[in-house]
PDB file of N, CA and C in Angstrom:
ATOM      1  N   UNK A   1       0.849  -1.167   0.000  1.00  0.00           N
ATOM      2  CA  UNK A   1       0.000   0.000   0.000  1.00  0.00           C
ATOM      3  C   UNK A   1       0.901   1.238   0.000  1.00  0.00           C
ATOM      4  N   UNK A   2       0.656   2.129  -0.928  1.00  0.00           N
ATOM      5  CA  UNK A   2       1.423   3.366  -1.004  1.00  0.00           C
ATOM      6  C   UNK A   2       0.687   4.466  -0.262  1.00  0.00           C
ATOM      7  N   UNK A   3       1.420   5.192   0.599  1.00  0.00           N
ATOM      8  CA  UNK A   3       0.859   6.312   1.349  1.00  0.00           C
ATOM      9  C   UNK A   3       1.698   7.548   1.059  1.00  0.00           C
ATOM     10  N   UNK A   4       1.053   8.688   1.058  1.00  0.00           N
ATOM     11  CA  UNK A   4       1.744   9.938   0.740  1.00  0.00           C
ATOM     12  C   UNK A   4       2.079  10.700   2.013  1.00  0.00           C
ATOM     13  N   UNK A   5       3.292  11.274   2.048  1.00  0.00           N
ATOM     14  CA  UNK A   5       3.705  12.136   3.154  1.00  0.00           C
ATOM     15  C   UNK A   5       3.155  13.535   2.927  1.00  0.00           C
ATOM     16  N   UNK A   6       2.713  14.162   4.022  1.00  0.00           N
ATOM     17  CA  UNK A   6       2.194  15.531   3.948  1.00  0.00           C
ATOM     18  C   UNK A   6       2.876  16.378   5.013  1.00  0.00           C
ATOM     19  N   UNK A   7       2.974  17.649   4.749  1.00  0.00           N
ATOM     20  CA  UNK A   7       3.557  18.580   5.708  1.00  0.00           C
ATOM     21  C   UNK A   7       2.576  18.804   6.850  1.00  0.00           C
ATOM     22  N   UNK A   8       3.067  18.741   8.089  1.00  0.00           N
ATOM     23  CA  UNK A   8       2.258  19.002   9.274  1.00  0.00           C
ATOM     24  C   UNK A   8       3.114  19.810  10.235  1.00  0.00           C
ATOM     25  N   UNK A   9       2.954  21.122  10.196  1.00  0.00           N
ATOM     26  CA  UNK A   9       3.840  21.992  10.978  1.00  0.00           C
ATOM     27  C   UNK A   9       5.238  21.899  10.417  1.00  0.00           C
ATOM     28  N   UNK A  10       6.217  21.625  11.275  1.00  0.00           N
ATOM     29  CA  UNK A  10       7.601  21.444  10.836  1.00  0.00           C
ATOM     30  C   UNK A  10       7.929  19.977  10.576  1.00  0.00           C
ATOM     31  N   UNK A  11       6.929  19.119  10.626  1.00  0.00           N
ATOM     32  CA  UNK A  11       7.134  17.679  10.472  1.00  0.00           C
ATOM     33  C   UNK A  11       6.445  17.177   9.213  1.00  0.00           C
ATOM     34  N   UNK A  12       6.634  15.893   8.958  1.00  0.00           N
ATOM     35  CA  UNK A  12       5.909  15.209   7.892  1.00  0.00           C
ATOM     36  C   UNK A  12       4.976  14.196   8.537  1.00  0.00           C
ATOM     37  N   UNK A  13       3.830  13.972   7.938  1.00  0.00           N
ATOM     38  CA  UNK A  13       2.843  13.052   8.499  1.00  0.00           C
ATOM     39  C   UNK A  13       2.349  12.090   7.432  1.00  0.00           C
ATOM     40  N   UNK A  14       1.892  10.925   7.877  1.00  0.00           N
ATOM     41  CA  UNK A  14       1.284   9.918   7.020  1.00  0.00           C
ATOM     42  C   UNK A  14      -0.092   9.614   7.588  1.00  0.00           C
ATOM     43  N   UNK A  15      -1.098   9.613   6.730  1.00  0.00           N
ATOM     44  CA  UNK A  15      -2.441   9.210   7.162  1.00  0.00           C
ATOM     45  C   UNK A  15      -2.549   7.711   7.017  1.00  0.00           C
ATOM     46  N   UNK A  16      -3.037   7.060   8.065  1.00  0.00           N
ATOM     47  CA  UNK A  16      -3.220   5.619   8.018  1.00  0.00           C
ATOM     48  C   UNK A  16      -4.667   5.310   7.634  1.00  0.00           C
ATOM     49  N   UNK A  17      -4.870   4.483   6.623  1.00  0.00           N
ATOM     50  CA  UNK A  17      -6.236   4.125   6.231  1.00  0.00           C
ATOM     51  C   UNK A  17      -6.956   3.411   7.375  1.00  0.00           C
ATOM     52  N   UNK A  18      -8.269   3.583   7.435  1.00  0.00           N
ATOM     53  CA  UNK A  18      -9.062   3.028   8.524  1.00  0.00           C
ATOM     54  C   UNK A  18      -8.916   1.511   8.612  1.00  0.00           C
ATOM     55  N   UNK A  19      -8.773   0.824   7.479  1.00  0.00           N
ATOM     56  CA  UNK A  19      -8.629  -0.633   7.537  1.00  0.00           C
ATOM     57  C   UNK A  19      -7.338  -1.038   8.245  1.00  0.00           C
ATOM     58  N   UNK A  20      -6.286  -0.224   8.137  1.00  0.00           N
ATOM     59  CA  UNK A  20      -5.035  -0.501   8.844  1.00  0.00           C
ATOM     60  C   UNK A  20      -5.205  -0.302  10.348  1.00  0.00           C
ATOM     61  N   UNK A  21      -5.844   0.801  10.726  1.00  0.00           N
ATOM     62  CA  UNK A  21      -6.011   1.077  12.150  1.00  0.00           C
ATOM     63  C   UNK A  21      -6.955   0.068  12.802  1.00  0.00           C
ATOM     64  N   UNK A  22      -8.002  -0.327  12.082  1.00  0.00           N
ATOM     65  CA  UNK A  22      -8.922  -1.338  12.638  1.00  0.00           C
ATOM     66  C   UNK A  22      -8.210  -2.661  12.839  1.00  0.00           C
ATOM     67  N   UNK A  23      -7.430  -3.080  11.851  1.00  0.00           N
ATOM     68  CA  UNK A  23      -6.721  -4.355  11.944  1.00  0.00           C
ATOM     69  C   UNK A  23      -5.731  -4.356  13.105  1.00  0.00           C
ATOM     70  N   UNK A  24      -5.149  -3.188  13.396  1.00  0.00           N
ATOM     71  CA  UNK A  24      -4.188  -3.081  14.493  1.00  0.00           C
ATOM     72  C   UNK A  24      -4.870  -2.771  15.819  1.00  0.00           C
ATOM     73  N   UNK A  25      -6.186  -2.530  15.791  1.00  0.00           N
ATOM     74  CA  UNK A  25      -6.908  -2.213  17.025  1.00  0.00           C
ATOM     75  C   UNK A  25      -6.615  -0.823  17.540  1.00  0.00           C
ATOM     76  N   UNK A  26      -6.317   0.114  16.636  1.00  0.00           N
ATOM     77  CA  UNK A  26      -5.978   1.479  17.028  1.00  0.00           C
ATOM     78  C   UNK A  26      -7.163   2.419  16.853  1.00  0.00           C
ATOM     79  N   UNK A  27      -7.174   3.467  17.673  1.00  0.00           N
ATOM     80  CA  UNK A  27      -8.171   4.515  17.531  1.00  0.00           C
ATOM     81  C   UNK A  27      -7.473   5.857  17.751  1.00  0.00           C
ATOM     82  N   UNK A  28      -8.181   6.920  17.440  1.00  0.00           N
ATOM     83  CA  UNK A  28      -7.608   8.262  17.584  1.00  0.00           C
ATOM     84  C   UNK A  28      -7.134   8.471  19.015  1.00  0.00           C
ATOM     85  N   UNK A  29      -5.929   9.014  19.152  1.00  0.00           N
ATOM     86  CA  UNK A  29      -5.364   9.286  20.466  1.00  0.00           C
ATOM     87  C   UNK A  29      -4.449   8.193  20.988  1.00  0.00           C
ATOM     88  N   UNK A  30      -4.475   6.997  20.358  1.00  0.00           N
ATOM     89  CA  UNK A  30      -3.594   5.914  20.787  1.00  0.00           C
ATOM     90  C   UNK A  30      -2.146   6.253  20.460  1.00  0.00           C
ATOM     91  N   UNK A  31      -1.237   5.586  21.131  1.00  0.00           N
ATOM     92  CA  UNK A  31       0.195   5.797  20.938  1.00  0.00           C
ATOM     93  C   UNK A  31       0.790   4.606  20.198  1.00  0.00           C
ATOM     94  N   UNK A  32       1.721   4.890  19.299  1.00  0.00           N
ATOM     95  CA  UNK A  32       2.453   3.834  18.601  1.00  0.00           C
ATOM     96  C   UNK A  32       3.949   4.031  18.806  1.00  0.00           C
ATOM     97  N   UNK A  33       4.684   2.936  18.730  1.00  0.00           N
ATOM     98  CA  UNK A  33       6.146   2.969  18.790  1.00  0.00           C
ATOM     99  C   UNK A  33       6.658   2.931  17.355  1.00  0.00           C
ATOM    100  N   UNK A  34       7.623   3.793  17.038  1.00  0.00           N
ATOM    101  CA  UNK A  34       8.209   3.818  15.693  1.00  0.00           C
ATOM    102  C   UNK A  34       9.658   3.341  15.775  1.00  0.00           C
ATOM    103  N   UNK A  35      10.015   2.428  14.880  1.00  0.00           N
ATOM    104  CA  UNK A  35      11.388   1.930  14.778  1.00  0.00           C
ATOM    105  C   UNK A  35      11.851   2.129  13.336  1.00  0.00           C
ATOM    106  N   UNK A  36      13.077   2.549  13.165  1.00  0.00           N
ATOM    107  CA  UNK A  36      13.665   2.697  11.838  1.00  0.00           C
ATOM    108  C   UNK A  36      14.840   1.738  11.750  1.00  0.00           C
ATOM    109  N   UNK A  37      14.805   0.856  10.765  1.00  0.00           N
ATOM    110  CA  UNK A  37      15.880  -0.127  10.596  1.00  0.00           C
ATOM    111  C   UNK A  37      17.079   0.540   9.929  1.00  0.00           C
ATOM    112  N   UNK A  38      18.234  -0.110   9.955  1.00  0.00           N
ATOM    113  CA  UNK A  38      19.424   0.446   9.309  1.00  0.00           C
ATOM    114  C   UNK A  38      19.251   0.681   7.805  1.00  0.00           C
ATOM    115  N   UNK A  39      18.321  -0.057   7.172  1.00  0.00           N
ATOM    116  CA  UNK A  39      18.096   0.123   5.729  1.00  0.00           C
ATOM    117  C   UNK A  39      16.981   1.123   5.450  1.00  0.00           C
ATOM    118  N   UNK A  40      16.451   1.773   6.496  1.00  0.00           N
ATOM    119  CA  UNK A  40      15.447   2.814   6.312  1.00  0.00           C
ATOM    120  C   UNK A  40      14.002   2.363   6.380  1.00  0.00           C
ATOM    121  N   UNK A  41      13.745   1.111   6.750  1.00  0.00           N
ATOM    122  CA  UNK A  41      12.368   0.648   6.900  1.00  0.00           C
ATOM    123  C   UNK A  41      11.787   1.210   8.195  1.00  0.00           C
ATOM    124  N   UNK A  42      10.545   1.654   8.128  1.00  0.00           N
ATOM    125  CA  UNK A  42       9.867   2.202   9.294  1.00  0.00           C
ATOM    126  C   UNK A  42       8.815   1.197   9.749  1.00  0.00           C
ATOM    127  N   UNK A  43       8.841   0.884  11.039  1.00  0.00           N
ATOM    128  CA  UNK A  43       7.886  -0.069  11.600  1.00  0.00           C
ATOM    129  C   UNK A  43       7.124   0.623  12.727  1.00  0.00           C
ATOM    130  N   UNK A  44       5.786   0.614  12.633  1.00  0.00           N
ATOM    131  CA  UNK A  44       4.932   1.176  13.677  1.00  0.00           C
ATOM    132  C   UNK A  44       4.271   0.028  14.432  1.00  0.00           C
ATOM    133  N   UNK A  45       4.316   0.088  15.762  1.00  0.00           N
ATOM    134  CA  UNK A  45       3.729  -0.931  16.613  1.00  0.00           C
ATOM    135  C   UNK A  45       2.883  -0.255  17.676  1.00  0.00           C
ATOM    136  N   UNK A  46       1.663  -0.749  17.933  1.00  0.00           N
ATOM    137  CA  UNK A  46       0.872  -0.159  19.005  1.00  0.00           C
ATOM    138  C   UNK A  46       1.644  -0.204  20.324  1.00  0.00           C
ATOM    139  N   UNK A  47       1.608   0.897  21.072  1.00  0.00           N
ATOM    140  CA  UNK A  47       2.327   0.946  22.347  1.00  0.00           C
ATOM    141  C   UNK A  47       1.755  -0.090  23.303  1.00  0.00           C
ATOM    142  N   UNK A  48       0.442  -0.303  23.239  1.00  0.00           N
ATOM    143  CA  UNK A  48      -0.201  -1.345  24.022  1.00  0.00           C
ATOM    144  C   UNK A  48      -0.754  -2.344  23.016  1.00  0.00           C
ATOM    145  N   UNK A  49      -0.214  -3.559  22.988  1.00  0.00           N
ATOM    146  CA  UNK A  49      -0.675  -4.533  21.999  1.00  0.00           C
ATOM    147  C   UNK A  49      -2.186  -4.734  22.070  1.00  0.00           C
ATOM    148  N   UNK A  50      -2.778  -5.004  20.932  1.00  0.00           N
ATOM    149  CA  UNK A  50      -4.214  -5.240  20.831  1.00  0.00           C
ATOM    150  C   UNK A  50      -4.560  -6.505  21.597  1.00  0.00           C
ATOM    151  N   UNK A  51      -5.490  -6.402  22.549  1.00  0.00           N
ATOM    152  CA  UNK A  51      -5.914  -7.536  23.367  1.00  0.00           C
ATOM    153  C   UNK A  51      -7.191  -8.110  22.773  1.00  0.00           C
ATOM    154  N   UNK A  52      -7.020  -9.131  21.955  1.00  0.00           N
ATOM    155  CA  UNK A  52      -8.158  -9.717  21.249  1.00  0.00           C
ATOM    156  C   UNK A  52      -9.179 -10.301  22.222  1.00  0.00           C
ATOM    157  N   UNK A  53      -8.729 -10.957  23.287  1.00  0.00           N
ATOM    158  CA  UNK A  53      -9.647 -11.562  24.249  1.00  0.00           C
ATOM    159  C   UNK A  53     -10.514 -10.494  24.923  1.00  0.00           C
ATOM    160  N   UNK A  54      -9.913  -9.372  25.313  1.00  0.00           N
ATOM    161  CA  UNK A  54     -10.663  -8.286  25.949  1.00  0.00           C
ATOM    162  C   UNK A  54     -11.651  -7.677  24.958  1.00  0.00           C
ATOM    163  N   UNK A  55     -11.234  -7.544  23.701  1.00  0.00           N
ATOM    164  CA  UNK A  55     -12.117  -7.007  22.668  1.00  0.00           C
ATOM    165  C   UNK A  55     -13.336  -7.908  22.484  1.00  0.00           C
ATOM    166  N   UNK A  56     -13.110  -9.223  22.391  1.00  0.00           N
ATOM    167  CA  UNK A  56     -14.215 -10.157  22.202  1.00  0.00           C
ATOM    168  C   UNK A  56     -15.146 -10.164  23.407  1.00  0.00           C
ATOM    169  N   UNK A  57     -14.602 -10.023  24.600  1.00  0.00           N
ATOM    170  CA  UNK A  57     -15.432  -9.967  25.801  1.00  0.00           C
ATOM    171  C   UNK A  57     -16.338  -8.728  25.772  1.00  0.00           C
ATOM    172  N   UNK A  58     -15.762  -7.570  25.396  1.00  0.00           N
ATOM    173  CA  UNK A  58     -16.569  -6.348  25.282  1.00  0.00           C
ATOM    174  C   UNK A  58     -17.643  -6.510  24.211  1.00  0.00           C
ATOM    175  N   UNK A  59     -17.286  -7.155  23.109  1.00  0.00           N
ATOM    176  CA  UNK A  59     -18.235  -7.375  22.015  1.00  0.00           C
ATOM    177  C   UNK A  59     -19.396  -8.266  22.462  1.00  0.00           C
ATOM    178  N   UNK A  60     -19.102  -9.330  23.207  1.00  0.00           N
ATOM    179  CA  UNK A  60     -20.153 -10.224  23.695  1.00  0.00           C
ATOM    180  C   UNK A  60     -21.086  -9.510  24.665  1.00  0.00           C
ATOM    181  N   UNK A  61     -20.535  -8.655  25.537  1.00  0.00           N
ATOM    182  CA  UNK A  61     -21.370  -7.888  26.464  1.00  0.00           C
ATOM    183  C   UNK A  61     -22.278  -6.940  25.695  1.00  0.00           C
ATOM    184  N   UNK A  62     -21.742  -6.283  24.683  1.00  0.00           N
ATOM    185  CA  UNK A  62     -22.538  -5.374  23.871  1.00  0.00           C
ATOM    186  C   UNK A  62     -23.644  -6.141  23.143  1.00  0.00           C
ATOM    187  N   UNK A  63     -23.300  -7.281  22.586  1.00  0.00           N
ATOM    188  CA  UNK A  63     -24.264  -8.100  21.853  1.00  0.00           C
ATOM    189  C   UNK A  63     -25.386  -8.557  22.776  1.00  0.00           C
ATOM    190  N   UNK A  64     -25.068  -8.883  24.026  1.00  0.00           N
ATOM    191  CA  UNK A  64     -26.071  -9.349  24.981  1.00  0.00           C
ATOM    192  C   UNK A  64     -27.099  -8.260  25.281  1.00  0.00           C
ATOM    193  N   UNK A  65     -26.690  -7.001  25.176  1.00  0.00           N
ATOM    194  CA  UNK A  65     -27.598  -5.883  25.451  1.00  0.00           C
ATOM    195  C   UNK A  65     -28.508  -5.557  24.265  1.00  0.00           C
ATOM    196  N   UNK A  66     -28.209  -6.120  23.103  1.00  0.00           N
ATOM    197  CA  UNK A  66     -28.974  -5.810  21.901  1.00  0.00           C
ATOM    198  C   UNK A  66     -30.162  -6.761  21.797  1.00  0.00           C
ATOM    199  N   UNK A  67     -31.383  -6.221  21.745  1.00  0.00           N
ATOM    200  CA  UNK A  67     -32.554  -7.096  21.668  1.00  0.00           C
ATOM    201  C   UNK A  67     -32.651  -7.769  20.302  1.00  0.00           C
ATOM    202  N   UNK A  68     -33.125  -8.980  20.317  1.00  0.00           N
ATOM    203  CA  UNK A  68     -33.377  -9.687  19.067  1.00  0.00           C
ATOM    204  C   UNK A  68     -34.735  -9.223  18.544  1.00  0.00           C
ATOM    205  N   UNK A  69     -34.783  -8.827  17.309  1.00  0.00           N
ATOM    206  CA  UNK A  69     -36.024  -8.338  16.719  1.00  0.00           C
ATOM    207  C   UNK A  69     -36.367  -9.155  15.485  1.00  0.00           C
ATOM    208  N   UNK A  70     -37.561  -8.966  15.017  1.00  0.00           N
ATOM    209  CA  UNK A  70     -38.005  -9.641  13.811  1.00  0.00           C
ATOM    210  C   UNK A  70     -37.276  -9.055  12.606  1.00  0.00           C
ATOM    211  N   UNK A  71     -36.851  -9.919  11.721  1.00  0.00           N
ATOM    212  CA  UNK A  71     -36.172  -9.440  10.522  1.00  0.00           C
ATOM    213  C   UNK A  71     -37.175  -8.847   9.553  1.00  0.00           C
ATOM    214  N   UNK A  72     -36.709  -8.042   8.657  1.00  0.00           N
ATOM    215  CA  UNK A  72     -37.562  -7.423   7.652  1.00  0.00           C
ATOM    216  C   UNK A  72     -38.234  -8.486   6.788  1.00  0.00           C
ATOM    217  N   UNK A  73     -37.502  -9.532   6.449  1.00  0.00           N
ATOM    218  CA  UNK A  73     -38.065 -10.601   5.616  1.00  0.00           C
ATOM    219  C   UNK A  73     -39.215 -11.288   6.354  1.00  0.00           C
ATOM    220  N   UNK A  74     -39.027 -11.558   7.661  1.00  0.00           N
ATOM    221  CA  UNK A  74     -40.098 -12.197   8.428  1.00  0.00           C
ATOM    222  C   UNK A  74     -41.341 -11.308   8.467  1.00  0.00           C
ATOM    223  N   UNK A  75     -41.155 -10.004   8.645  1.00  0.00           N
ATOM    224  CA  UNK A  75     -42.282  -9.078   8.667  1.00  0.00           C
ATOM    225  C   UNK A  75     -43.015  -9.085   7.333  1.00  0.00           C
ATOM    226  N   UNK A  76     -42.255  -9.076   6.242  1.00  0.00           N
ATOM    227  CA  UNK A  76     -42.866  -9.063   4.917  1.00  0.00           C
ATOM    228  C   UNK A  76     -43.639 -10.352   4.659  1.00  0.00           C
ATOM    229  N   UNK A  77     -43.119 -11.485   5.112  1.00  0.00           N
ATOM    230  CA  UNK A  77     -43.811 -12.753   4.906  1.00  0.00           C
ATOM    231  C   UNK A  77     -45.122 -12.783   5.676  1.00  0.00           C
ATOM    232  N   UNK A  78     -45.112 -12.256   6.903  1.00  0.00           N
ATOM    233  CA  UNK A  78     -46.330 -12.223   7.705  1.00  0.00           C
ATOM    234  C   UNK A  78     -47.394 -11.348   7.053  1.00  0.00           C
ATOM    235  N   UNK A  79     -46.966 -10.309   6.387  1.00  0.00           N
ATOM    236  CA  UNK A  79     -47.895  -9.370   5.780  1.00  0.00           C
ATOM    237  C   UNK A  79     -48.155  -9.703   4.307  1.00  0.00           C
ATOM    238  N   UNK A  80     -47.667 -10.831   3.848  1.00  0.00           N
ATOM    239  CA  UNK A  80     -47.827 -11.243   2.449  1.00  0.00           C
ATOM    240  C   UNK A  80     -47.374 -10.160   1.472  1.00  0.00           C
ATOM    241  N   UNK A  81     -46.230  -9.568   1.732  1.00  0.00           N
ATOM    242  CA  UNK A  81     -45.721  -8.492   0.876  1.00  0.00           C
ATOM    243  C   UNK A  81     -44.555  -8.943  -0.008  1.00  0.00           C
ATOM    244  N   UNK A  82     -44.368 -10.200  -0.186  1.00  0.00           N
ATOM    245  CA  UNK A  82     -43.257 -10.657  -1.021  1.00  0.00           C
ATOM    246  C   UNK A  82     -43.734 -11.348  -2.259  1.00  0.00           C
TER     247      UNK A  82
END
């Protein structure tokens, strides 16, 4: 994936696409560690590794709070609208 550098004050910045931040479990305000290899490769790592187990636990709690409702297809079938 090619990303473009942009001027930000006296620095240069790179915008990270949302799919990259989601995959890494990052959100606005999070901190990342930057490493530069001797050959010039830049590696960004979340300062706090993404905790998949904690994420899934939060997701299950959220899902439990969501009521199960009738689907649109079921409603249409009951009303003979298909």
